[in-house]
Amino acid sequence: MGLMQVMPKTAKDPGFGVAPLKNPYDPVENVRFGQQYIGAMLKRYGNDKEAALIAYNAGPANADKWLKSGRNYASLPQRQETEPYVRKIMGGFSG
């Protein structure tokens, strides 16, 4: 939902110290939520950007599975969506 493409269940109960998303279609609130959630994922995965992005896109449980698999994208249930998303975002990082 909204700019940060937040899933309804995550918006309602994000966990990780992130305040729930009250109005997913308020751009300011939606971006606030997305920033806090990706920040929480970066903290959870020790600033591992790739793992944090997988957690943001596919959920932390799937990111944990991916790490346990030796970073094998085939272990992700939505690989066709998640892998291109992560590769695209990772390509935008410098240094």
PDB file of N, CA and C in Angstrom:
ATOM      1  N   MET A   1       0.833  -1.177   0.000  1.00  0.00           N
ATOM      2  CA  MET A   1       0.000   0.000   0.000  1.00  0.00           C
ATOM      3  C   MET A   1       0.883   1.248   0.000  1.00  0.00           C
ATOM      4  N   GLY A   2       0.506   2.214  -0.761  1.00  0.00           N
ATOM      5  CA  GLY A   2       1.180   3.497  -0.748  1.00  0.00           C
ATOM      6  C   GLY A   2       2.550   3.512  -1.389  1.00  0.00           C
ATOM      7  N   LEU A   3       3.236   4.609  -1.192  1.00  0.00           N
ATOM      8  CA  LEU A   3       4.543   4.830  -1.818  1.00  0.00           C
ATOM      9  C   LEU A   3       5.573   3.763  -1.483  1.00  0.00           C
ATOM     10  N   MET A   4       5.587   3.317  -0.253  1.00  0.00           N
ATOM     11  CA  MET A   4       6.594   2.356   0.198  1.00  0.00           C
ATOM     12  C   MET A   4       6.144   0.909   0.037  1.00  0.00           C
ATOM     13  N   GLN A   5       4.970   0.718  -0.605  1.00  0.00           N
ATOM     14  CA  GLN A   5       4.447  -0.622  -0.905  1.00  0.00           C
ATOM     15  C   GLN A   5       4.426  -1.523   0.327  1.00  0.00           C
ATOM     16  N   VAL A   6       3.749  -1.063   1.356  1.00  0.00           N
ATOM     17  CA  VAL A   6       3.673  -1.761   2.632  1.00  0.00           C
ATOM     18  C   VAL A   6       2.528  -2.771   2.595  1.00  0.00           C
ATOM     19  N   MET A   7       2.794  -3.968   3.082  1.00  0.00           N
ATOM     20  CA  MET A   7       1.763  -4.996   3.165  1.00  0.00           C
ATOM     21  C   MET A   7       0.838  -4.686   4.350  1.00  0.00           C
ATOM     22  N   PRO A   8      -0.464  -4.958   4.216  1.00  0.00           N
ATOM     23  CA  PRO A   8      -1.419  -4.618   5.283  1.00  0.00           C
ATOM     24  C   PRO A   8      -1.051  -5.189   6.651  1.00  0.00           C
ATOM     25  N   LYS A   9      -0.645  -6.443   6.714  1.00  0.00           N
ATOM     26  CA  LYS A   9      -0.304  -7.049   8.004  1.00  0.00           C
ATOM     27  C   LYS A   9       0.914  -6.356   8.635  1.00  0.00           C
ATOM     28  N   THR A  10       1.910  -6.032   7.826  1.00  0.00           N
ATOM     29  CA  THR A  10       3.101  -5.332   8.328  1.00  0.00           C
ATOM     30  C   THR A  10       2.732  -3.940   8.808  1.00  0.00           C
ATOM     31  N   ALA A  11       1.856  -3.262   8.076  1.00  0.00           N
ATOM     32  CA  ALA A  11       1.428  -1.913   8.462  1.00  0.00           C
ATOM     33  C   ALA A  11       0.754  -1.923   9.833  1.00  0.00           C
ATOM     34  N   LYS A  12      -0.055  -2.933  10.069  1.00  0.00           N
ATOM     35  CA  LYS A  12      -0.825  -3.019  11.314  1.00  0.00           C
ATOM     36  C   LYS A  12       0.036  -3.427  12.506  1.00  0.00           C
ATOM     37  N   ASP A  13       0.958  -4.360  12.296  1.00  0.00           N
ATOM     38  CA  ASP A  13       1.760  -4.896  13.397  1.00  0.00           C
ATOM     39  C   ASP A  13       3.196  -5.127  12.922  1.00  0.00           C
ATOM     40  N   PRO A  14       3.975  -4.031  12.752  1.00  0.00           N
ATOM     41  CA  PRO A  14       5.308  -4.171  12.186  1.00  0.00           C
ATOM     42  C   PRO A  14       6.338  -4.803  13.118  1.00  0.00           C
ATOM     43  N   GLY A  15       6.181  -4.592  14.420  1.00  0.00           N
ATOM     44  CA  GLY A  15       7.197  -5.076  15.352  1.00  0.00           C
ATOM     45  C   GLY A  15       8.486  -4.282  15.222  1.00  0.00           C
ATOM     46  N   PHE A  16       9.536  -4.772  15.836  1.00  0.00           N
ATOM     47  CA  PHE A  16      10.882  -4.201  15.737  1.00  0.00           C
ATOM     48  C   PHE A  16      10.953  -2.740  16.184  1.00  0.00           C
ATOM     49  N   GLY A  17      10.026  -2.325  17.036  1.00  0.00           N
ATOM     50  CA  GLY A  17      10.036  -0.952  17.539  1.00  0.00           C
ATOM     51  C   GLY A  17       9.494   0.079  16.571  1.00  0.00           C
ATOM     52  N   VAL A  18       8.878  -0.364  15.490  1.00  0.00           N
ATOM     53  CA  VAL A  18       8.324   0.538  14.476  1.00  0.00           C
ATOM     54  C   VAL A  18       6.848   0.787  14.788  1.00  0.00           C
ATOM     55  N   ALA A  19       6.458   2.061  14.792  1.00  0.00           N
ATOM     56  CA  ALA A  19       5.062   2.410  15.039  1.00  0.00           C
ATOM     57  C   ALA A  19       4.204   1.958  13.862  1.00  0.00           C
ATOM     58  N   PRO A  20       2.998   1.436  14.135  1.00  0.00           N
ATOM     59  CA  PRO A  20       2.117   1.015  13.043  1.00  0.00           C
ATOM     60  C   PRO A  20       1.817   2.165  12.077  1.00  0.00           C
ATOM     61  N   LEU A  21       1.454   1.778  10.882  1.00  0.00           N
ATOM     62  CA  LEU A  21       1.104   2.734   9.827  1.00  0.00           C
ATOM     63  C   LEU A  21      -0.400   2.982   9.912  1.00  0.00           C
ATOM     64  N   LYS A  22      -0.789   4.181  10.290  1.00  0.00           N
ATOM     65  CA  LYS A  22      -2.206   4.485  10.492  1.00  0.00           C
ATOM     66  C   LYS A  22      -2.929   4.749   9.169  1.00  0.00           C
ATOM     67  N   ASN A  23      -2.321   5.535   8.290  1.00  0.00           N
ATOM     68  CA  ASN A  23      -2.942   5.856   7.004  1.00  0.00           C
ATOM     69  C   ASN A  23      -1.932   5.569   5.895  1.00  0.00           C
ATOM     70  N   PRO A  24      -2.033   4.410   5.257  1.00  0.00           N
ATOM     71  CA  PRO A  24      -1.048   4.037   4.246  1.00  0.00           C
ATOM     72  C   PRO A  24      -1.034   4.954   3.028  1.00  0.00           C
ATOM     73  N   TYR A  25      -2.092   5.727   2.841  1.00  0.00           N
ATOM     74  CA  TYR A  25      -2.156   6.586   1.659  1.00  0.00           C
ATOM     75  C   TYR A  25      -1.792   8.042   1.945  1.00  0.00           C
ATOM     76  N   ASP A  26      -1.348   8.303   3.173  1.00  0.00           N
ATOM     77  CA  ASP A  26      -0.766   9.608   3.508  1.00  0.00           C
ATOM     78  C   ASP A  26       0.717   9.484   3.171  1.00  0.00           C
ATOM     79  N   PRO A  27       1.203  10.209   2.153  1.00  0.00           N
ATOM     80  CA  PRO A  27       2.592  10.024   1.716  1.00  0.00           C
ATOM     81  C   PRO A  27       3.627  10.256   2.815  1.00  0.00           C
ATOM     82  N   VAL A  28       3.413  11.234   3.665  1.00  0.00           N
ATOM     83  CA  VAL A  28       4.373  11.522   4.735  1.00  0.00           C
ATOM     84  C   VAL A  28       4.415  10.363   5.725  1.00  0.00           C
ATOM     85  N   GLU A  29       3.240   9.888   6.130  1.00  0.00           N
ATOM     86  CA  GLU A  29       3.150   8.774   7.079  1.00  0.00           C
ATOM     87  C   GLU A  29       3.714   7.487   6.454  1.00  0.00           C
ATOM     88  N   ASN A  30       3.429   7.262   5.179  1.00  0.00           N
ATOM     89  CA  ASN A  30       3.889   6.056   4.505  1.00  0.00           C
ATOM     90  C   ASN A  30       5.412   6.040   4.399  1.00  0.00           C
ATOM     91  N   VAL A  31       6.005   7.159   4.040  1.00  0.00           N
ATOM     92  CA  VAL A  31       7.467   7.240   3.941  1.00  0.00           C
ATOM     93  C   VAL A  31       8.098   7.115   5.326  1.00  0.00           C
ATOM     94  N   ARG A  32       7.498   7.738   6.334  1.00  0.00           N
ATOM     95  CA  ARG A  32       7.992   7.592   7.711  1.00  0.00           C
ATOM     96  C   ARG A  32       8.053   6.120   8.092  1.00  0.00           C
ATOM     97  N   PHE A  33       6.985   5.415   7.812  1.00  0.00           N
ATOM     98  CA  PHE A  33       6.918   4.000   8.148  1.00  0.00           C
ATOM     99  C   PHE A  33       7.999   3.217   7.392  1.00  0.00           C
ATOM    100  N   GLY A  34       8.081   3.442   6.092  1.00  0.00           N
ATOM    101  CA  GLY A  34       9.070   2.723   5.287  1.00  0.00           C
ATOM    102  C   GLY A  34      10.493   2.964   5.759  1.00  0.00           C
ATOM    103  N   GLN A  35      10.800   4.206   6.099  1.00  0.00           N
ATOM    104  CA  GLN A  35      12.143   4.528   6.594  1.00  0.00           C
ATOM    105  C   GLN A  35      12.417   3.840   7.927  1.00  0.00           C
ATOM    106  N   GLN A  36      11.435   3.877   8.819  1.00  0.00           N
ATOM    107  CA  GLN A  36      11.626   3.233  10.119  1.00  0.00           C
ATOM    108  C   GLN A  36      11.756   1.719   9.964  1.00  0.00           C
ATOM    109  N   TYR A  37      10.967   1.144   9.083  1.00  0.00           N
ATOM    110  CA  TYR A  37      10.996  -0.314   8.930  1.00  0.00           C
ATOM    111  C   TYR A  37      12.303  -0.772   8.290  1.00  0.00           C
ATOM    112  N   ILE A  38      12.758  -0.105   7.240  1.00  0.00           N
ATOM    113  CA  ILE A  38      14.034  -0.513   6.626  1.00  0.00           C
ATOM    114  C   ILE A  38      15.170  -0.254   7.613  1.00  0.00           C
ATOM    115  N   GLY A  39      15.065   0.801   8.408  1.00  0.00           N
ATOM    116  CA  GLY A  39      16.074   1.052   9.449  1.00  0.00           C
ATOM    117  C   GLY A  39      16.114  -0.074  10.469  1.00  0.00           C
ATOM    118  N   ALA A  40      14.935  -0.563  10.847  1.00  0.00           N
ATOM    119  CA  ALA A  40      14.864  -1.680  11.796  1.00  0.00           C
ATOM    120  C   ALA A  40      15.458  -2.944  11.182  1.00  0.00           C
ATOM    121  N   MET A  41      15.232  -3.151   9.885  1.00  0.00           N
ATOM    122  CA  MET A  41      15.788  -4.336   9.216  1.00  0.00           C
ATOM    123  C   MET A  41      17.317  -4.223   9.089  1.00  0.00           C
ATOM    124  N   LEU A  42      17.803  -3.030   8.825  1.00  0.00           N
ATOM    125  CA  LEU A  42      19.262  -2.837   8.780  1.00  0.00           C
ATOM    126  C   LEU A  42      19.880  -3.124  10.142  1.00  0.00           C
ATOM    127  N   LYS A  43      19.224  -2.680  11.188  1.00  0.00           N
ATOM    128  CA  LYS A  43      19.716  -2.950  12.548  1.00  0.00           C
ATOM    129  C   LYS A  43      19.673  -4.451  12.838  1.00  0.00           C
ATOM    130  N   ARG A  44      18.574  -5.090  12.506  1.00  0.00           N
ATOM    131  CA  ARG A  44      18.412  -6.529  12.761  1.00  0.00           C
ATOM    132  C   ARG A  44      19.479  -7.361  12.056  1.00  0.00           C
ATOM    133  N   TYR A  45      19.839  -6.957  10.844  1.00  0.00           N
ATOM    134  CA  TYR A  45      20.800  -7.726  10.046  1.00  0.00           C
ATOM    135  C   TYR A  45      22.194  -7.106  10.028  1.00  0.00           C
ATOM    136  N   GLY A  46      22.513  -6.342  11.062  1.00  0.00           N
ATOM    137  CA  GLY A  46      23.867  -5.822  11.216  1.00  0.00           C
ATOM    138  C   GLY A  46      24.338  -4.985  10.041  1.00  0.00           C
ATOM    139  N   ASN A  47      23.439  -4.171   9.504  1.00  0.00           N
ATOM    140  CA  ASN A  47      23.725  -3.281   8.380  1.00  0.00           C
ATOM    141  C   ASN A  47      24.012  -4.046   7.075  1.00  0.00           C
ATOM    142  N   ASP A  48      23.606  -5.307   7.006  1.00  0.00           N
ATOM    143  CA  ASP A  48      23.697  -6.102   5.777  1.00  0.00           C
ATOM    144  C   ASP A  48      22.551  -5.639   4.877  1.00  0.00           C
ATOM    145  N   LYS A  49      22.860  -4.782   3.909  1.00  0.00           N
ATOM    146  CA  LYS A  49      21.828  -4.169   3.075  1.00  0.00           C
ATOM    147  C   LYS A  49      21.029  -5.203   2.296  1.00  0.00           C
ATOM    148  N   GLU A  50      21.696  -6.207   1.782  1.00  0.00           N
ATOM    149  CA  GLU A  50      21.003  -7.218   0.987  1.00  0.00           C
ATOM    150  C   GLU A  50      19.987  -7.986   1.840  1.00  0.00           C
ATOM    151  N   ALA A  51      20.393  -8.413   3.019  1.00  0.00           N
ATOM    152  CA  ALA A  51      19.480  -9.122   3.918  1.00  0.00           C
ATOM    153  C   ALA A  51      18.332  -8.215   4.355  1.00  0.00           C
ATOM    154  N   ALA A  52      18.630  -6.952   4.645  1.00  0.00           N
ATOM    155  CA  ALA A  52      17.594  -6.006   5.065  1.00  0.00           C
ATOM    156  C   ALA A  52      16.573  -5.786   3.950  1.00  0.00           C
ATOM    157  N   LEU A  53      17.036  -5.686   2.722  1.00  0.00           N
ATOM    158  CA  LEU A  53      16.116  -5.502   1.596  1.00  0.00           C
ATOM    159  C   LEU A  53      15.249  -6.736   1.379  1.00  0.00           C
ATOM    160  N   ILE A  54      15.834  -7.903   1.527  1.00  0.00           N
ATOM    161  CA  ILE A  54      15.040  -9.131   1.415  1.00  0.00           C
ATOM    162  C   ILE A  54      13.986  -9.156   2.509  1.00  0.00           C
ATOM    163  N   ALA A  55      14.362  -8.782   3.728  1.00  0.00           N
ATOM    164  CA  ALA A  55      13.408  -8.743   4.838  1.00  0.00           C
ATOM    165  C   ALA A  55      12.298  -7.732   4.562  1.00  0.00           C
ATOM    166  N   TYR A  56      12.641  -6.582   4.006  1.00  0.00           N
ATOM    167  CA  TYR A  56      11.646  -5.561   3.689  1.00  0.00           C
ATOM    168  C   TYR A  56      10.680  -6.078   2.630  1.00  0.00           C
ATOM    169  N   ASN A  57      11.204  -6.759   1.632  1.00  0.00           N
ATOM    170  CA  ASN A  57      10.384  -7.208   0.507  1.00  0.00           C
ATOM    171  C   ASN A  57       9.655  -8.523   0.768  1.00  0.00           C
ATOM    172  N   ALA A  58      10.327  -9.476   1.380  1.00  0.00           N
ATOM    173  CA  ALA A  58       9.769 -10.823   1.520  1.00  0.00           C
ATOM    174  C   ALA A  58       9.485 -11.210   2.964  1.00  0.00           C
ATOM    175  N   GLY A  59       9.871 -10.361   3.904  1.00  0.00           N
ATOM    176  CA  GLY A  59       9.642 -10.639   5.319  1.00  0.00           C
ATOM    177  C   GLY A  59      10.896 -11.167   6.002  1.00  0.00           C
ATOM    178  N   PRO A  60      11.061 -10.835   7.280  1.00  0.00           N
ATOM    179  CA  PRO A  60      12.241 -11.267   8.026  1.00  0.00           C
ATOM    180  C   PRO A  60      12.422 -12.783   8.098  1.00  0.00           C
ATOM    181  N   ALA A  61      11.337 -13.529   8.198  1.00  0.00           N
ATOM    182  CA  ALA A  61      11.474 -14.994   8.261  1.00  0.00           C
ATOM    183  C   ALA A  61      12.104 -15.528   6.978  1.00  0.00           C
ATOM    184  N   ASN A  62      11.733 -14.959   5.851  1.00  0.00           N
ATOM    185  CA  ASN A  62      12.325 -15.390   4.582  1.00  0.00           C
ATOM    186  C   ASN A  62      13.770 -14.922   4.453  1.00  0.00           C
ATOM    187  N   ALA A  63      14.084 -13.762   4.983  1.00  0.00           N
ATOM    188  CA  ALA A  63      15.480 -13.305   4.982  1.00  0.00           C
ATOM    189  C   ALA A  63      16.327 -14.241   5.847  1.00  0.00           C
ATOM    190  N   ASP A  64      15.779 -14.675   6.976  1.00  0.00           N
ATOM    191  CA  ASP A  64      16.499 -15.618   7.838  1.00  0.00           C
ATOM    192  C   ASP A  64      16.754 -16.936   7.094  1.00  0.00           C
ATOM    193  N   LYS A  65      15.733 -17.429   6.372  1.00  0.00           N
ATOM    194  CA  LYS A  65      15.886 -18.657   5.572  1.00  0.00           C
ATOM    195  C   LYS A  65      16.961 -18.481   4.510  1.00  0.00           C
ATOM    196  N   TRP A  66      16.951 -17.325   3.863  1.00  0.00           N
ATOM    197  CA  TRP A  66      17.920 -17.011   2.813  1.00  0.00           C
ATOM    198  C   TRP A  66      19.341 -17.038   3.374  1.00  0.00           C
ATOM    199  N   LEU A  67      19.530 -16.441   4.542  1.00  0.00           N
ATOM    200  CA  LEU A  67      20.853 -16.452   5.173  1.00  0.00           C
ATOM    201  C   LEU A  67      21.275 -17.877   5.529  1.00  0.00           C
ATOM    202  N   LYS A  68      20.351 -18.660   6.096  1.00  0.00           N
ATOM    203  CA  LYS A  68      20.661 -20.046   6.472  1.00  0.00           C
ATOM    204  C   LYS A  68      20.976 -20.910   5.251  1.00  0.00           C
ATOM    205  N   SER A  69      20.439 -20.524   4.079  1.00  0.00           N
ATOM    206  CA  SER A  69      20.675 -21.295   2.858  1.00  0.00           C
ATOM    207  C   SER A  69      22.011 -20.940   2.202  1.00  0.00           C
ATOM    208  N   GLY A  70      22.766 -20.033   2.828  1.00  0.00           N
ATOM    209  CA  GLY A  70      24.015 -19.586   2.224  1.00  0.00           C
ATOM    210  C   GLY A  70      23.794 -18.500   1.188  1.00  0.00           C
ATOM    211  N   ARG A  71      22.727 -17.721   1.371  1.00  0.00           N
ATOM    212  CA  ARG A  71      22.372 -16.614   0.486  1.00  0.00           C
ATOM    213  C   ARG A  71      21.908 -17.106  -0.890  1.00  0.00           C
ATOM    214  N   ASN A  72      21.193 -18.194  -0.893  1.00  0.00           N
ATOM    215  CA  ASN A  72      20.682 -18.788  -2.116  1.00  0.00           C
ATOM    216  C   ASN A  72      19.282 -18.226  -2.397  1.00  0.00           C
ATOM    217  N   TYR A  73      19.163 -17.459  -3.463  1.00  0.00           N
ATOM    218  CA  TYR A  73      17.871 -16.851  -3.794  1.00  0.00           C
ATOM    219  C   TYR A  73      16.795 -17.893  -4.096  1.00  0.00           C
ATOM    220  N   ALA A  74      17.196 -19.091  -4.507  1.00  0.00           N
ATOM    221  CA  ALA A  74      16.216 -20.151  -4.779  1.00  0.00           C
ATOM    222  C   ALA A  74      15.452 -20.540  -3.517  1.00  0.00           C
ATOM    223  N   SER A  75      15.962 -20.200  -2.344  1.00  0.00           N
ATOM    224  CA  SER A  75      15.282 -20.532  -1.088  1.00  0.00           C
ATOM    225  C   SER A  75      14.110 -19.595  -0.799  1.00  0.00           C
ATOM    226  N   LEU A  76      13.972 -18.515  -1.563  1.00  0.00           N
ATOM    227  CA  LEU A  76      12.904 -17.544  -1.316  1.00  0.00           C
ATOM    228  C   LEU A  76      11.626 -17.945  -2.049  1.00  0.00           C
ATOM    229  N   PRO A  77      10.475 -17.879  -1.372  1.00  0.00           N
ATOM    230  CA  PRO A  77       9.226 -18.283  -2.010  1.00  0.00           C
ATOM    231  C   PRO A  77       8.812 -17.372  -3.172  1.00  0.00           C
ATOM    232  N   GLN A  78       9.145 -16.112  -3.109  1.00  0.00           N
ATOM    233  CA  GLN A  78       8.796 -15.161  -4.160  1.00  0.00           C
ATOM    234  C   GLN A  78      10.051 -14.696  -4.898  1.00  0.00           C
ATOM    235  N   ARG A  79      10.904 -15.632  -5.241  1.00  0.00           N
ATOM    236  CA  ARG A  79      12.196 -15.303  -5.840  1.00  0.00           C
ATOM    237  C   ARG A  79      12.049 -14.389  -7.066  1.00  0.00           C
ATOM    238  N   GLN A  80      11.078 -14.643  -7.909  1.00  0.00           N
ATOM    239  CA  GLN A  80      10.914 -13.877  -9.144  1.00  0.00           C
ATOM    240  C   GLN A  80      10.642 -12.400  -8.870  1.00  0.00           C
ATOM    241  N   GLU A  81      10.109 -12.101  -7.714  1.00  0.00           N
ATOM    242  CA  GLU A  81       9.864 -10.710  -7.333  1.00  0.00           C
ATOM    243  C   GLU A  81      11.029 -10.159  -6.516  1.00  0.00           C
ATOM    244  N   THR A  82      11.455 -10.922  -5.530  1.00  0.00           N
ATOM    245  CA  THR A  82      12.424 -10.426  -4.556  1.00  0.00           C
ATOM    246  C   THR A  82      13.812 -10.227  -5.149  1.00  0.00           C
ATOM    247  N   GLU A  83      14.315 -11.191  -5.887  1.00  0.00           N
ATOM    248  CA  GLU A  83      15.678 -11.078  -6.405  1.00  0.00           C
ATOM    249  C   GLU A  83      15.855  -9.854  -7.311  1.00  0.00           C
ATOM    250  N   PRO A  84      14.981  -9.611  -8.306  1.00  0.00           N
ATOM    251  CA  PRO A  84      15.151  -8.402  -9.127  1.00  0.00           C
ATOM    252  C   PRO A  84      15.032  -7.110  -8.318  1.00  0.00           C
ATOM    253  N   TYR A  85      14.114  -7.088  -7.338  1.00  0.00           N
ATOM    254  CA  TYR A  85      13.953  -5.917  -6.479  1.00  0.00           C
ATOM    255  C   TYR A  85      15.254  -5.616  -5.747  1.00  0.00           C
ATOM    256  N   VAL A  86      15.818  -6.633  -5.109  1.00  0.00           N
ATOM    257  CA  VAL A  86      17.041  -6.446  -4.329  1.00  0.00           C
ATOM    258  C   VAL A  86      18.196  -6.039  -5.236  1.00  0.00           C
ATOM    259  N   ARG A  87      18.340  -6.692  -6.369  1.00  0.00           N
ATOM    260  CA  ARG A  87      19.440  -6.371  -7.300  1.00  0.00           C
ATOM    261  C   ARG A  87      19.321  -4.919  -7.789  1.00  0.00           C
ATOM    262  N   LYS A  88      18.097  -4.488  -8.087  1.00  0.00           N
ATOM    263  CA  LYS A  88      17.888  -3.109  -8.554  1.00  0.00           C
ATOM    264  C   LYS A  88      18.276  -2.097  -7.488  1.00  0.00           C
ATOM    265  N   ILE A  89      17.809  -2.319  -6.262  1.00  0.00           N
ATOM    266  CA  ILE A  89      18.118  -1.376  -5.174  1.00  0.00           C
ATOM    267  C   ILE A  89      19.609  -1.418  -4.843  1.00  0.00           C
ATOM    268  N   MET A  90      20.172  -2.620  -4.765  1.00  0.00           N
ATOM    269  CA  MET A  90      21.598  -2.745  -4.456  1.00  0.00           C
ATOM    270  C   MET A  90      22.447  -2.040  -5.517  1.00  0.00           C
ATOM    271  N   GLY A  91      22.000  -2.047  -6.753  1.00  0.00           N
ATOM    272  CA  GLY A  91      22.731  -1.374  -7.828  1.00  0.00           C
ATOM    273  C   GLY A  91      22.795   0.134  -7.634  1.00  0.00           C
ATOM    274  N   GLY A  92      21.873   0.669  -6.843  1.00  0.00           N
ATOM    275  CA  GLY A  92      21.849   2.106  -6.582  1.00  0.00           C
ATOM    276  C   GLY A  92      22.763   2.536  -5.443  1.00  0.00           C
ATOM    277  N   PHE A  93      23.274   1.587  -4.668  1.00  0.00           N
ATOM    278  CA  PHE A  93      24.180   1.920  -3.569  1.00  0.00           C
ATOM    279  C   PHE A  93      25.579   2.159  -4.106  1.00  0.00           C
ATOM    280  N   SER A  94      26.239   3.128  -3.551  1.00  0.00           N
ATOM    281  CA  SER A  94      27.642   3.351  -3.913  1.00  0.00           C
ATOM    282  C   SER A  94      28.512   3.101  -2.697  1.00  0.00           C
ATOM    283  N   GLY A  95      29.684   2.545  -2.965  1.00  0.00           N
ATOM    284  CA  GLY A  95      30.662   2.297  -1.902  1.00  0.00           C
ATOM    285  C   GLY A  95      30.155   1.355  -0.949  1.00  0.00           C
TER     286      GLY A  95
END
